[in-house]
């Protein structure tokens, strides 16, 4: 008999782990749909939500770290982590929300987002 169908302790453990895995994957997908409004969680979205507002992706290719620093007007630091495991970077002034947010896509490549 399959251990998944077994009525003993091992079967219950395997079944519960499988159910938990399915639930985690479903809830992650639902969260990404709610957060990014797109099912394509492996792609970079056209807009992101940060600091209570929406940031829209700028229509230009990916920029280098030096270009991102000069655009932001200060040194970049991580301000949040996106659900797609790409860090969101920004120059965060002492008060208020940053005008630009950058999603890191490589060692030295960023995508620029600007607050609407």
PDB file of N, CA and C in Angstrom:
ATOM      1  N   UNK A   1       0.839  -1.176   0.000  1.00  0.00           N
ATOM      2  CA  UNK A   1       0.000   0.000   0.000  1.00  0.00           C
ATOM      3  C   UNK A   1       0.890   1.248   0.000  1.00  0.00           C
ATOM      4  N   UNK A   2       0.429   2.269  -0.694  1.00  0.00           N
ATOM      5  CA  UNK A   2       1.156   3.535  -0.771  1.00  0.00           C
ATOM      6  C   UNK A   2       1.213   4.193   0.608  1.00  0.00           C
ATOM      7  N   UNK A   3       2.347   4.833   0.952  1.00  0.00           N
ATOM      8  CA  UNK A   3       2.423   5.493   2.259  1.00  0.00           C
ATOM      9  C   UNK A   3       1.439   6.664   2.371  1.00  0.00           C
ATOM     10  N   UNK A   4       1.020   7.221   1.241  1.00  0.00           N
ATOM     11  CA  UNK A   4       0.065   8.331   1.275  1.00  0.00           C
ATOM     12  C   UNK A   4      -1.322   7.832   1.669  1.00  0.00           C
ATOM     13  N   UNK A   5      -1.634   6.598   1.259  1.00  0.00           N
ATOM     14  CA  UNK A   5      -2.945   6.034   1.580  1.00  0.00           C
ATOM     15  C   UNK A   5      -2.945   5.235   2.872  1.00  0.00           C
ATOM     16  N   UNK A   6      -1.776   5.025   3.447  1.00  0.00           N
ATOM     17  CA  UNK A   6      -1.678   4.213   4.658  1.00  0.00           C
ATOM     18  C   UNK A   6      -2.427   4.885   5.809  1.00  0.00           C
ATOM     19  N   UNK A   7      -3.125   4.089   6.611  1.00  0.00           N
ATOM     20  CA  UNK A   7      -3.913   4.678   7.696  1.00  0.00           C
ATOM     21  C   UNK A   7      -3.090   5.032   8.930  1.00  0.00           C
ATOM     22  N   UNK A   8      -1.814   4.718   8.952  1.00  0.00           N
ATOM     23  CA  UNK A   8      -0.995   4.933  10.155  1.00  0.00           C
ATOM     24  C   UNK A   8      -0.442   6.341  10.259  1.00  0.00           C
ATOM     25  N   UNK A   9       0.493   6.486  11.180  1.00  0.00           N
ATOM     26  CA  UNK A   9       1.094   7.780  11.474  1.00  0.00           C
ATOM     27  C   UNK A   9       1.896   8.327  10.294  1.00  0.00           C
ATOM     28  N   UNK A  10       2.615   7.458   9.588  1.00  0.00           N
ATOM     29  CA  UNK A  10       3.418   7.906   8.438  1.00  0.00           C
ATOM     30  C   UNK A  10       2.522   8.444   7.335  1.00  0.00           C
ATOM     31  N   UNK A  11       1.437   7.756   7.061  1.00  0.00           N
ATOM     32  CA  UNK A  11       0.495   8.220   6.039  1.00  0.00           C
ATOM     33  C   UNK A  11      -0.108   9.566   6.397  1.00  0.00           C
ATOM     34  N   UNK A  12      -0.490   9.729   7.655  1.00  0.00           N
ATOM     35  CA  UNK A  12      -1.053  11.012   8.095  1.00  0.00           C
ATOM     36  C   UNK A  12      -0.031  12.136   7.963  1.00  0.00           C
ATOM     37  N   UNK A  13       1.211  11.864   8.304  1.00  0.00           N
ATOM     38  CA  UNK A  13       2.253  12.881   8.217  1.00  0.00           C
ATOM     39  C   UNK A  13       2.494  13.294   6.769  1.00  0.00           C
ATOM     40  N   UNK A  14       2.599  12.315   5.895  1.00  0.00           N
ATOM     41  CA  UNK A  14       2.832  12.612   4.478  1.00  0.00           C
ATOM     42  C   UNK A  14       1.654  13.380   3.892  1.00  0.00           C
ATOM     43  N   UNK A  15       0.444  12.946   4.219  1.00  0.00           N
ATOM     44  CA  UNK A  15      -0.751  13.654   3.733  1.00  0.00           C
ATOM     45  C   UNK A  15      -0.785  15.088   4.225  1.00  0.00           C
ATOM     46  N   UNK A  16      -0.487  15.303   5.499  1.00  0.00           N
ATOM     47  CA  UNK A  16      -0.532  16.662   6.041  1.00  0.00           C
ATOM     48  C   UNK A  16       0.540  17.541   5.405  1.00  0.00           C
ATOM     49  N   UNK A  17       1.735  17.003   5.147  1.00  0.00           N
ATOM     50  CA  UNK A  17       2.777  17.784   4.485  1.00  0.00           C
ATOM     51  C   UNK A  17       2.390  18.147   3.058  1.00  0.00           C
ATOM     52  N   UNK A  18       1.772  17.212   2.350  1.00  0.00           N
ATOM     53  CA  UNK A  18       1.312  17.500   0.991  1.00  0.00           C
ATOM     54  C   UNK A  18       0.214  18.569   0.984  1.00  0.00           C
ATOM     55  N   UNK A  19      -0.703  18.477   1.922  1.00  0.00           N
ATOM     56  CA  UNK A  19      -1.781  19.464   2.000  1.00  0.00           C
ATOM     57  C   UNK A  19      -1.216  20.841   2.340  1.00  0.00           C
ATOM     58  N   UNK A  20      -0.283  20.895   3.282  1.00  0.00           N
ATOM     59  CA  UNK A  20       0.347  22.175   3.623  1.00  0.00           C
ATOM     60  C   UNK A  20       1.100  22.781   2.438  1.00  0.00           C
ATOM     61  N   UNK A  21       1.798  21.948   1.679  1.00  0.00           N
ATOM     62  CA  UNK A  21       2.520  22.430   0.506  1.00  0.00           C
ATOM     63  C   UNK A  21       1.566  23.017  -0.519  1.00  0.00           C
ATOM     64  N   UNK A  22       0.476  22.325  -0.788  1.00  0.00           N
ATOM     65  CA  UNK A  22      -0.514  22.820  -1.745  1.00  0.00           C
ATOM     66  C   UNK A  22      -1.122  24.127  -1.249  1.00  0.00           C
ATOM     67  N   UNK A  23      -1.435  24.215   0.040  1.00  0.00           N
ATOM     68  CA  UNK A  23      -2.007  25.445   0.592  1.00  0.00           C
ATOM     69  C   UNK A  23      -1.023  26.618   0.493  1.00  0.00           C
ATOM     70  N   UNK A  24       0.238  26.373   0.780  1.00  0.00           N
ATOM     71  CA  UNK A  24       1.241  27.437   0.685  1.00  0.00           C
ATOM     72  C   UNK A  24       1.357  27.934  -0.752  1.00  0.00           C
ATOM     73  N   UNK A  25       1.400  27.021  -1.707  1.00  0.00           N
ATOM     74  CA  UNK A  25       1.493  27.425  -3.107  1.00  0.00           C
ATOM     75  C   UNK A  25       0.260  28.193  -3.562  1.00  0.00           C
ATOM     76  N   UNK A  26      -0.914  27.757  -3.147  1.00  0.00           N
ATOM     77  CA  UNK A  26      -2.144  28.464  -3.517  1.00  0.00           C
ATOM     78  C   UNK A  26      -2.203  29.856  -2.894  1.00  0.00           C
ATOM     79  N   UNK A  27      -1.838  29.963  -1.613  1.00  0.00           N
ATOM     80  CA  UNK A  27      -1.884  31.263  -0.949  1.00  0.00           C
ATOM     81  C   UNK A  27      -0.819  32.210  -1.515  1.00  0.00           C
ATOM     82  N   UNK A  28       0.330  31.678  -1.883  1.00  0.00           N
ATOM     83  CA  UNK A  28       1.366  32.507  -2.499  1.00  0.00           C
ATOM     84  C   UNK A  28       0.880  33.044  -3.831  1.00  0.00           C
ATOM     85  N   UNK A  29       0.239  32.202  -4.623  1.00  0.00           N
ATOM     86  CA  UNK A  29      -0.303  32.647  -5.906  1.00  0.00           C
ATOM     87  C   UNK A  29      -1.388  33.699  -5.702  1.00  0.00           C
ATOM     88  N   UNK A  30      -2.266  33.484  -4.741  1.00  0.00           N
ATOM     89  CA  UNK A  30      -3.322  34.458  -4.465  1.00  0.00           C
ATOM     90  C   UNK A  30      -2.728  35.784  -4.009  1.00  0.00           C
ATOM     91  N   UNK A  31      -1.700  35.738  -3.178  1.00  0.00           N
ATOM     92  CA  UNK A  31      -1.059  36.968  -2.713  1.00  0.00           C
ATOM     93  C   UNK A  31      -0.408  37.718  -3.869  1.00  0.00           C
ATOM     94  N   UNK A  32       0.277  36.998  -4.734  1.00  0.00           N
ATOM     95  CA  UNK A  32       0.924  37.651  -5.862  1.00  0.00           C
ATOM     96  C   UNK A  32      -0.098  38.248  -6.825  1.00  0.00           C
ATOM     97  N   UNK A  33      -1.208  37.574  -7.017  1.00  0.00           N
ATOM     98  CA  UNK A  33      -2.267  38.137  -7.851  1.00  0.00           C
ATOM     99  C   UNK A  33      -2.818  39.409  -7.227  1.00  0.00           C
ATOM    100  N   UNK A  34      -2.972  39.414  -5.905  1.00  0.00           N
ATOM    101  CA  UNK A  34      -3.493  40.593  -5.218  1.00  0.00           C
ATOM    102  C   UNK A  34      -2.472  41.731  -5.226  1.00  0.00           C
ATOM    103  N   UNK A  35      -1.200  41.402  -5.034  1.00  0.00           N
ATOM    104  CA  UNK A  35      -0.163  42.427  -4.914  1.00  0.00           C
ATOM    105  C   UNK A  35       0.203  43.013  -6.268  1.00  0.00           C
ATOM    106  N   UNK A  36       0.425  42.161  -7.248  1.00  0.00           N
ATOM    107  CA  UNK A  36       0.898  42.621  -8.550  1.00  0.00           C
ATOM    108  C   UNK A  36      -0.201  42.691  -9.608  1.00  0.00           C
ATOM    109  N   UNK A  37      -1.367  42.156  -9.325  1.00  0.00           N
ATOM    110  CA  UNK A  37      -2.463  42.115 -10.295  1.00  0.00           C
ATOM    111  C   UNK A  37      -2.060  41.396 -11.580  1.00  0.00           C
ATOM    112  N   UNK A  38      -1.209  40.412 -11.446  1.00  0.00           N
ATOM    113  CA  UNK A  38      -0.802  39.624 -12.595  1.00  0.00           C
ATOM    114  C   UNK A  38      -0.441  38.222 -12.125  1.00  0.00           C
ATOM    115  N   UNK A  39      -0.788  37.209 -12.914  1.00  0.00           N
ATOM    116  CA  UNK A  39      -0.398  35.854 -12.531  1.00  0.00           C
ATOM    117  C   UNK A  39       1.056  35.547 -12.857  1.00  0.00           C
ATOM    118  N   UNK A  40       1.700  36.412 -13.618  1.00  0.00           N
ATOM    119  CA  UNK A  40       3.073  36.137 -14.049  1.00  0.00           C
ATOM    120  C   UNK A  40       4.046  36.621 -12.983  1.00  0.00           C
ATOM    121  N   UNK A  41       4.176  35.856 -11.903  1.00  0.00           N
ATOM    122  CA  UNK A  41       5.023  36.287 -10.795  1.00  0.00           C
ATOM    123  C   UNK A  41       6.501  36.158 -11.108  1.00  0.00           C
ATOM    124  N   UNK A  42       6.850  35.482 -12.204  1.00  0.00           N
ATOM    125  CA  UNK A  42       8.264  35.387 -12.551  1.00  0.00           C
ATOM    126  C   UNK A  42       8.716  36.576 -13.383  1.00  0.00           C
ATOM    127  N   UNK A  43       7.806  37.386 -13.871  1.00  0.00           N
ATOM    128  CA  UNK A  43       8.185  38.557 -14.650  1.00  0.00           C
ATOM    129  C   UNK A  43       8.157  39.798 -13.774  1.00  0.00           C
ATOM    130  N   UNK A  44       8.814  40.835 -14.228  1.00  0.00           N
ATOM    131  CA  UNK A  44       8.782  42.094 -13.495  1.00  0.00           C
ATOM    132  C   UNK A  44       7.494  42.821 -13.836  1.00  0.00           C
ATOM    133  N   UNK A  45       6.731  43.227 -12.859  1.00  0.00           N
ATOM    134  CA  UNK A  45       5.451  43.862 -13.151  1.00  0.00           C
ATOM    135  C   UNK A  45       5.617  45.274 -13.683  1.00  0.00           C
ATOM    136  N   UNK A  46       4.567  45.787 -14.299  1.00  0.00           N
ATOM    137  CA  UNK A  46       4.591  47.142 -14.819  1.00  0.00           C
ATOM    138  C   UNK A  46       4.495  48.177 -13.730  1.00  0.00           C
ATOM    139  N   UNK A  47       3.932  47.800 -12.595  1.00  0.00           N
ATOM    140  CA  UNK A  47       3.844  48.743 -11.481  1.00  0.00           C
ATOM    141  C   UNK A  47       3.938  47.968 -10.177  1.00  0.00           C
ATOM    142  N   UNK A  48       4.372  48.662  -9.146  1.00  0.00           N
ATOM    143  CA  UNK A  48       4.478  48.054  -7.835  1.00  0.00           C
ATOM    144  C   UNK A  48       3.846  48.986  -6.814  1.00  0.00           C
ATOM    145  N   UNK A  49       3.518  48.459  -5.686  1.00  0.00           N
ATOM    146  CA  UNK A  49       2.933  49.254  -4.609  1.00  0.00           C
ATOM    147  C   UNK A  49       3.952  49.364  -3.488  1.00  0.00           C
ATOM    148  N   UNK A  50       4.206  50.590  -3.071  1.00  0.00           N
ATOM    149  CA  UNK A  50       5.128  50.825  -1.966  1.00  0.00           C
ATOM    150  C   UNK A  50       4.745  52.135  -1.288  1.00  0.00           C
ATOM    151  N   UNK A  51       4.821  52.156   0.001  1.00  0.00           N
ATOM    152  CA  UNK A  51       4.606  53.371   0.783  1.00  0.00           C
ATOM    153  C   UNK A  51       3.201  53.935   0.561  1.00  0.00           C
ATOM    154  N   UNK A  52       2.232  53.076   0.418  1.00  0.00           N
ATOM    155  CA  UNK A  52       0.846  53.510   0.302  1.00  0.00           C
ATOM    156  C   UNK A  52       0.450  54.008  -1.066  1.00  0.00           C
ATOM    157  N   UNK A  53       1.358  53.988  -2.035  1.00  0.00           N
ATOM    158  CA  UNK A  53       1.032  54.475  -3.370  1.00  0.00           C
ATOM    159  C   UNK A  53       1.578  53.551  -4.435  1.00  0.00           C
ATOM    160  N   UNK A  54       1.259  53.886  -5.670  1.00  0.00           N
ATOM    161  CA  UNK A  54       1.696  53.062  -6.789  1.00  0.00           C
ATOM    162  C   UNK A  54       2.890  53.688  -7.474  1.00  0.00           C
ATOM    163  N   UNK A  55       3.846  52.853  -7.825  1.00  0.00           N
ATOM    164  CA  UNK A  55       5.016  53.257  -8.586  1.00  0.00           C
ATOM    165  C   UNK A  55       4.930  52.588  -9.946  1.00  0.00           C
ATOM    166  N   UNK A  56       5.034  53.390 -10.994  1.00  0.00           N
ATOM    167  CA  UNK A  56       4.912  52.858 -12.352  1.00  0.00           C
ATOM    168  C   UNK A  56       6.292  52.719 -12.971  1.00  0.00           C
ATOM    169  N   UNK A  57       6.482  51.652 -13.713  1.00  0.00           N
ATOM    170  CA  UNK A  57       7.780  51.389 -14.340  1.00  0.00           C
ATOM    171  C   UNK A  57       8.039  52.423 -15.426  1.00  0.00           C
ATOM    172  N   UNK A  58       9.264  52.939 -15.444  1.00  0.00           N
ATOM    173  CA  UNK A  58       9.643  53.908 -16.463  1.00  0.00           C
ATOM    174  C   UNK A  58       9.921  53.190 -17.777  1.00  0.00           C
ATOM    175  N   UNK A  59       9.578  53.843 -18.862  1.00  0.00           N
ATOM    176  CA  UNK A  59       9.767  53.247 -20.189  1.00  0.00           C
ATOM    177  C   UNK A  59      11.191  53.453 -20.674  1.00  0.00           C
ATOM    178  N   UNK A  60      12.097  52.725 -20.075  1.00  0.00           N
ATOM    179  CA  UNK A  60      13.486  52.732 -20.530  1.00  0.00           C
ATOM    180  C   UNK A  60      14.115  51.408 -20.119  1.00  0.00           C
ATOM    181  N   UNK A  61      15.188  51.037 -20.768  1.00  0.00           N
ATOM    182  CA  UNK A  61      15.799  49.749 -20.426  1.00  0.00           C
ATOM    183  C   UNK A  61      16.371  49.755 -19.017  1.00  0.00           C
ATOM    184  N   UNK A  62      16.802  48.618 -18.591  1.00  0.00           N
ATOM    185  CA  UNK A  62      17.358  48.475 -17.252  1.00  0.00           C
ATOM    186  C   UNK A  62      18.584  49.362 -17.105  1.00  0.00           C
ATOM    187  N   UNK A  63      18.730  49.956 -15.936  1.00  0.00           N
ATOM    188  CA  UNK A  63      19.810  50.913 -15.702  1.00  0.00           C
ATOM    189  C   UNK A  63      20.863  50.305 -14.794  1.00  0.00           C
ATOM    190  N   UNK A  64      22.048  50.888 -14.819  1.00  0.00           N
ATOM    191  CA  UNK A  64      23.132  50.420 -13.960  1.00  0.00           C
ATOM    192  C   UNK A  64      22.989  51.048 -12.579  1.00  0.00           C
ATOM    193  N   UNK A  65      23.795  50.591 -11.656  1.00  0.00           N
ATOM    194  CA  UNK A  65      23.742  51.096 -10.286  1.00  0.00           C
ATOM    195  C   UNK A  65      24.102  52.575 -10.234  1.00  0.00           C
ATOM    196  N   UNK A  66      25.098  52.996 -10.999  1.00  0.00           N
ATOM    197  CA  UNK A  66      25.490  54.407 -10.970  1.00  0.00           C
ATOM    198  C   UNK A  66      24.389  55.303 -11.515  1.00  0.00           C
ATOM    199  N   UNK A  67      23.693  54.858 -12.561  1.00  0.00           N
ATOM    200  CA  UNK A  67      22.567  55.634 -13.096  1.00  0.00           C
ATOM    201  C   UNK A  67      21.425  55.687 -12.096  1.00  0.00           C
ATOM    202  N   UNK A  68      21.176  54.583 -11.421  1.00  0.00           N
ATOM    203  CA  UNK A  68      20.111  54.556 -10.417  1.00  0.00           C
ATOM    204  C   UNK A  68      20.434  55.493  -9.259  1.00  0.00           C
ATOM    205  N   UNK A  69      21.680  55.527  -8.831  1.00  0.00           N
ATOM    206  CA  UNK A  69      22.080  56.403  -7.723  1.00  0.00           C
ATOM    207  C   UNK A  69      21.930  57.867  -8.117  1.00  0.00           C
ATOM    208  N   UNK A  70      22.340  58.204  -9.346  1.00  0.00           N
ATOM    209  CA  UNK A  70      22.216  59.598  -9.775  1.00  0.00           C
ATOM    210  C   UNK A  70      20.754  59.982  -9.979  1.00  0.00           C
ATOM    211  N   UNK A  71      19.926  59.060 -10.446  1.00  0.00           N
ATOM    212  CA  UNK A  71      18.496  59.344 -10.608  1.00  0.00           C
ATOM    213  C   UNK A  71      17.815  59.548  -9.263  1.00  0.00           C
ATOM    214  N   UNK A  72      18.160  58.699  -8.298  1.00  0.00           N
ATOM    215  CA  UNK A  72      17.521  58.784  -6.987  1.00  0.00           C
ATOM    216  C   UNK A  72      18.024  59.971  -6.185  1.00  0.00           C
ATOM    217  N   UNK A  73      19.243  60.405  -6.450  1.00  0.00           N
ATOM    218  CA  UNK A  73      19.792  61.534  -5.718  1.00  0.00           C
ATOM    219  C   UNK A  73      20.474  61.148  -4.422  1.00  0.00           C
ATOM    220  N   UNK A  74      20.823  59.910  -4.272  1.00  0.00           N
ATOM    221  CA  UNK A  74      21.499  59.460  -3.065  1.00  0.00           C
ATOM    222  C   UNK A  74      21.801  57.984  -3.145  1.00  0.00           C
ATOM    223  N   UNK A  75      22.489  57.489  -2.135  1.00  0.00           N
ATOM    224  CA  UNK A  75      22.866  56.078  -2.116  1.00  0.00           C
ATOM    225  C   UNK A  75      21.637  55.201  -1.947  1.00  0.00           C
ATOM    226  N   UNK A  76      21.580  54.113  -2.677  1.00  0.00           N
ATOM    227  CA  UNK A  76      20.439  53.204  -2.608  1.00  0.00           C
ATOM    228  C   UNK A  76      20.585  52.269  -1.426  1.00  0.00           C
ATOM    229  N   UNK A  77      19.463  51.940  -0.817  1.00  0.00           N
ATOM    230  CA  UNK A  77      19.458  50.906   0.211  1.00  0.00           C
ATOM    231  C   UNK A  77      18.162  50.125   0.080  1.00  0.00           C
ATOM    232  N   UNK A  78      18.169  48.910   0.598  1.00  0.00           N
ATOM    233  CA  UNK A  78      16.990  48.067   0.492  1.00  0.00           C
ATOM    234  C   UNK A  78      15.905  48.588   1.422  1.00  0.00           C
ATOM    235  N   UNK A  79      14.732  48.814   0.875  1.00  0.00           N
ATOM    236  CA  UNK A  79      13.642  49.323   1.698  1.00  0.00           C
ATOM    237  C   UNK A  79      12.526  48.297   1.869  1.00  0.00           C
ATOM    238  N   UNK A  80      12.460  47.326   1.012  1.00  0.00           N
ATOM    239  CA  UNK A  80      11.501  46.229   1.175  1.00  0.00           C
ATOM    240  C   UNK A  80      11.929  45.105   0.256  1.00  0.00           C
ATOM    241  N   UNK A  81      11.334  43.959   0.430  1.00  0.00           N
ATOM    242  CA  UNK A  81      11.641  42.822  -0.420  1.00  0.00           C
ATOM    243  C   UNK A  81      10.367  42.398  -1.121  1.00  0.00           C
ATOM    244  N   UNK A  82      10.459  42.257  -2.419  1.00  0.00           N
ATOM    245  CA  UNK A  82       9.266  41.894  -3.180  1.00  0.00           C
ATOM    246  C   UNK A  82       8.979  40.405  -3.054  1.00  0.00           C
ATOM    247  N   UNK A  83       7.733  39.992  -3.285  1.00  0.00           N
ATOM    248  CA  UNK A  83       7.399  38.571  -3.183  1.00  0.00           C
ATOM    249  C   UNK A  83       8.058  37.704  -4.239  1.00  0.00           C
ATOM    250  N   UNK A  84       8.611  38.320  -5.280  1.00  0.00           N
ATOM    251  CA  UNK A  84       9.282  37.525  -6.294  1.00  0.00           C
ATOM    252  C   UNK A  84      10.773  37.411  -6.004  1.00  0.00           C
ATOM    253  N   UNK A  85      11.160  37.698  -4.758  1.00  0.00           N
ATOM    254  CA  UNK A  85      12.532  37.548  -4.293  1.00  0.00           C
ATOM    255  C   UNK A  85      13.507  38.459  -5.015  1.00  0.00           C
ATOM    256  N   UNK A  86      13.041  39.595  -5.483  1.00  0.00           N
ATOM    257  CA  UNK A  86      13.938  40.610  -6.018  1.00  0.00           C
ATOM    258  C   UNK A  86      13.912  41.780  -5.056  1.00  0.00           C
ATOM    259  N   UNK A  87      15.038  42.224  -4.577  1.00  0.00           N
ATOM    260  CA  UNK A  87      15.007  43.330  -3.620  1.00  0.00           C
ATOM    261  C   UNK A  87      14.560  44.623  -4.270  1.00  0.00           C
ATOM    262  N   UNK A  88      13.789  45.408  -3.539  1.00  0.00           N
ATOM    263  CA  UNK A  88      13.390  46.728  -3.979  1.00  0.00           C
ATOM    264  C   UNK A  88      14.311  47.717  -3.283  1.00  0.00           C
ATOM    265  N   UNK A  89      14.981  48.545  -4.058  1.00  0.00           N
ATOM    266  CA  UNK A  89      15.954  49.473  -3.521  1.00  0.00           C
ATOM    267  C   UNK A  89      15.455  50.894  -3.730  1.00  0.00           C
ATOM    268  N   UNK A  90      15.877  51.800  -2.864  1.00  0.00           N
ATOM    269  CA  UNK A  90      15.520  53.204  -3.034  1.00  0.00           C
ATOM    270  C   UNK A  90      16.442  54.060  -2.210  1.00  0.00           C
ATOM    271  N   UNK A  91      16.532  55.326  -2.616  1.00  0.00           N
ATOM    272  CA  UNK A  91      17.129  56.327  -1.745  1.00  0.00           C
ATOM    273  C   UNK A  91      15.975  56.843  -0.907  1.00  0.00           C
ATOM    274  N   UNK A  92      16.006  56.564   0.381  1.00  0.00           N
ATOM    275  CA  UNK A  92      14.897  56.941   1.248  1.00  0.00           C
ATOM    276  C   UNK A  92      15.297  58.137   2.086  1.00  0.00           C
ATOM    277  N   UNK A  93      14.714  59.302   1.805  1.00  0.00           N
ATOM    278  CA  UNK A  93      15.036  60.466   2.634  1.00  0.00           C
ATOM    279  C   UNK A  93      14.485  60.286   4.042  1.00  0.00           C
ATOM    280  N   UNK A  94      14.882  61.184   4.929  1.00  0.00           N
ATOM    281  CA  UNK A  94      14.499  61.031   6.332  1.00  0.00           C
ATOM    282  C   UNK A  94      12.991  61.091   6.528  1.00  0.00           C
ATOM    283  N   UNK A  95      12.290  61.832   5.687  1.00  0.00           N
ATOM    284  CA  UNK A  95      10.833  61.884   5.812  1.00  0.00           C
ATOM    285  C   UNK A  95      10.212  61.747   4.428  1.00  0.00           C
ATOM    286  N   UNK A  96       9.046  61.181   4.390  1.00  0.00           N
ATOM    287  CA  UNK A  96       8.338  61.029   3.119  1.00  0.00           C
ATOM    288  C   UNK A  96       8.739  59.781   2.378  1.00  0.00           C
ATOM    289  N   UNK A  97       8.049  59.542   1.297  1.00  0.00           N
ATOM    290  CA  UNK A  97       8.299  58.366   0.462  1.00  0.00           C
ATOM    291  C   UNK A  97       9.277  58.718  -0.654  1.00  0.00           C
ATOM    292  N   UNK A  98      10.093  57.772  -1.083  1.00  0.00           N
ATOM    293  CA  UNK A  98      11.030  58.060  -2.170  1.00  0.00           C
ATOM    294  C   UNK A  98      10.295  58.264  -3.487  1.00  0.00           C
ATOM    295  N   UNK A  99      10.842  59.132  -4.345  1.00  0.00           N
ATOM    296  CA  UNK A  99      10.237  59.361  -5.661  1.00  0.00           C
ATOM    297  C   UNK A  99      10.515  58.194  -6.596  1.00  0.00           C
ATOM    298  N   UNK A 100      11.665  57.577  -6.431  1.00  0.00           N
ATOM    299  CA  UNK A 100      12.050  56.474  -7.308  1.00  0.00           C
ATOM    300  C   UNK A 100      12.305  55.229  -6.483  1.00  0.00           C
ATOM    301  N   UNK A 101      11.908  54.089  -7.019  1.00  0.00           N
ATOM    302  CA  UNK A 101      12.181  52.784  -6.424  1.00  0.00           C
ATOM    303  C   UNK A 101      12.786  51.939  -7.539  1.00  0.00           C
ATOM    304  N   UNK A 102      13.712  51.071  -7.183  1.00  0.00           N
ATOM    305  CA  UNK A 102      14.421  50.270  -8.180  1.00  0.00           C
ATOM    306  C   UNK A 102      14.328  48.799  -7.816  1.00  0.00           C
ATOM    307  N   UNK A 103      13.933  47.990  -8.768  1.00  0.00           N
ATOM    308  CA  UNK A 103      13.916  46.541  -8.580  1.00  0.00           C
ATOM    309  C   UNK A 103      15.219  45.992  -9.138  1.00  0.00           C
ATOM    310  N   UNK A 104      15.939  45.268  -8.312  1.00  0.00           N
ATOM    311  CA  UNK A 104      17.228  44.723  -8.739  1.00  0.00           C
ATOM    312  C   UNK A 104      16.987  43.455  -9.549  1.00  0.00           C
ATOM    313  N   UNK A 105      17.596  43.405 -10.741  1.00  0.00           N
ATOM    314  CA  UNK A 105      17.404  42.247 -11.611  1.00  0.00           C
ATOM    315  C   UNK A 105      18.705  41.521 -11.927  1.00  0.00           C
ATOM    316  N   UNK A 106      19.814  42.059 -11.501  1.00  0.00           N
ATOM    317  CA  UNK A 106      21.095  41.422 -11.755  1.00  0.00           C
ATOM    318  C   UNK A 106      22.118  41.941 -10.763  1.00  0.00           C
ATOM    319  N   UNK A 107      23.393  41.660 -11.031  1.00  0.00           N
ATOM    320  CA  UNK A 107      24.437  42.163 -10.139  1.00  0.00           C
ATOM    321  C   UNK A 107      24.513  43.687 -10.177  1.00  0.00           C
ATOM    322  N   UNK A 108      24.341  44.252 -11.360  1.00  0.00           N
ATOM    323  CA  UNK A 108      24.468  45.698 -11.498  1.00  0.00           C
ATOM    324  C   UNK A 108      23.383  46.231 -12.441  1.00  0.00           C
ATOM    325  N   UNK A 109      22.192  45.668 -12.387  1.00  0.00           N
ATOM    326  CA  UNK A 109      21.100  46.111 -13.253  1.00  0.00           C
ATOM    327  C   UNK A 109      19.849  46.326 -12.423  1.00  0.00           C
ATOM    328  N   UNK A 110      19.168  47.417 -12.697  1.00  0.00           N
ATOM    329  CA  UNK A 110      17.955  47.781 -11.970  1.00  0.00           C
ATOM    330  C   UNK A 110      16.873  48.187 -12.952  1.00  0.00           C
ATOM    331  N   UNK A 111      15.636  48.041 -12.519  1.00  0.00           N
ATOM    332  CA  UNK A 111      14.494  48.592 -13.250  1.00  0.00           C
ATOM    333  C   UNK A 111      13.982  49.768 -12.431  1.00  0.00           C
ATOM    334  N   UNK A 112      13.741  50.894 -13.094  1.00  0.00           N
ATOM    335  CA  UNK A 112      13.312  52.105 -12.402  1.00  0.00           C
ATOM    336  C   UNK A 112      11.798  52.205 -12.337  1.00  0.00           C
ATOM    337  N   UNK A 113      11.304  52.600 -11.169  1.00  0.00           N
ATOM    338  CA  UNK A 113       9.878  52.887 -10.983  1.00  0.00           C
ATOM    339  C   UNK A 113       9.770  54.277 -10.393  1.00  0.00           C
ATOM    340  N   UNK A 114       8.767  55.019 -10.828  1.00  0.00           N
ATOM    341  CA  UNK A 114       8.574  56.381 -10.335  1.00  0.00           C
ATOM    342  C   UNK A 114       7.193  56.488  -9.706  1.00  0.00           C
ATOM    343  N   UNK A 115       7.109  57.231  -8.612  1.00  0.00           N
ATOM    344  CA  UNK A 115       5.827  57.421  -7.937  1.00  0.00           C
ATOM    345  C   UNK A 115       4.899  58.211  -8.840  1.00  0.00           C
ATOM    346  N   UNK A 116       3.643  57.789  -8.878  1.00  0.00           N
ATOM    347  CA  UNK A 116       2.666  58.491  -9.710  1.00  0.00           C
ATOM    348  C   UNK A 116       2.149  59.712  -9.010  1.00  0.00           C
TER     349      UNK A 116
END
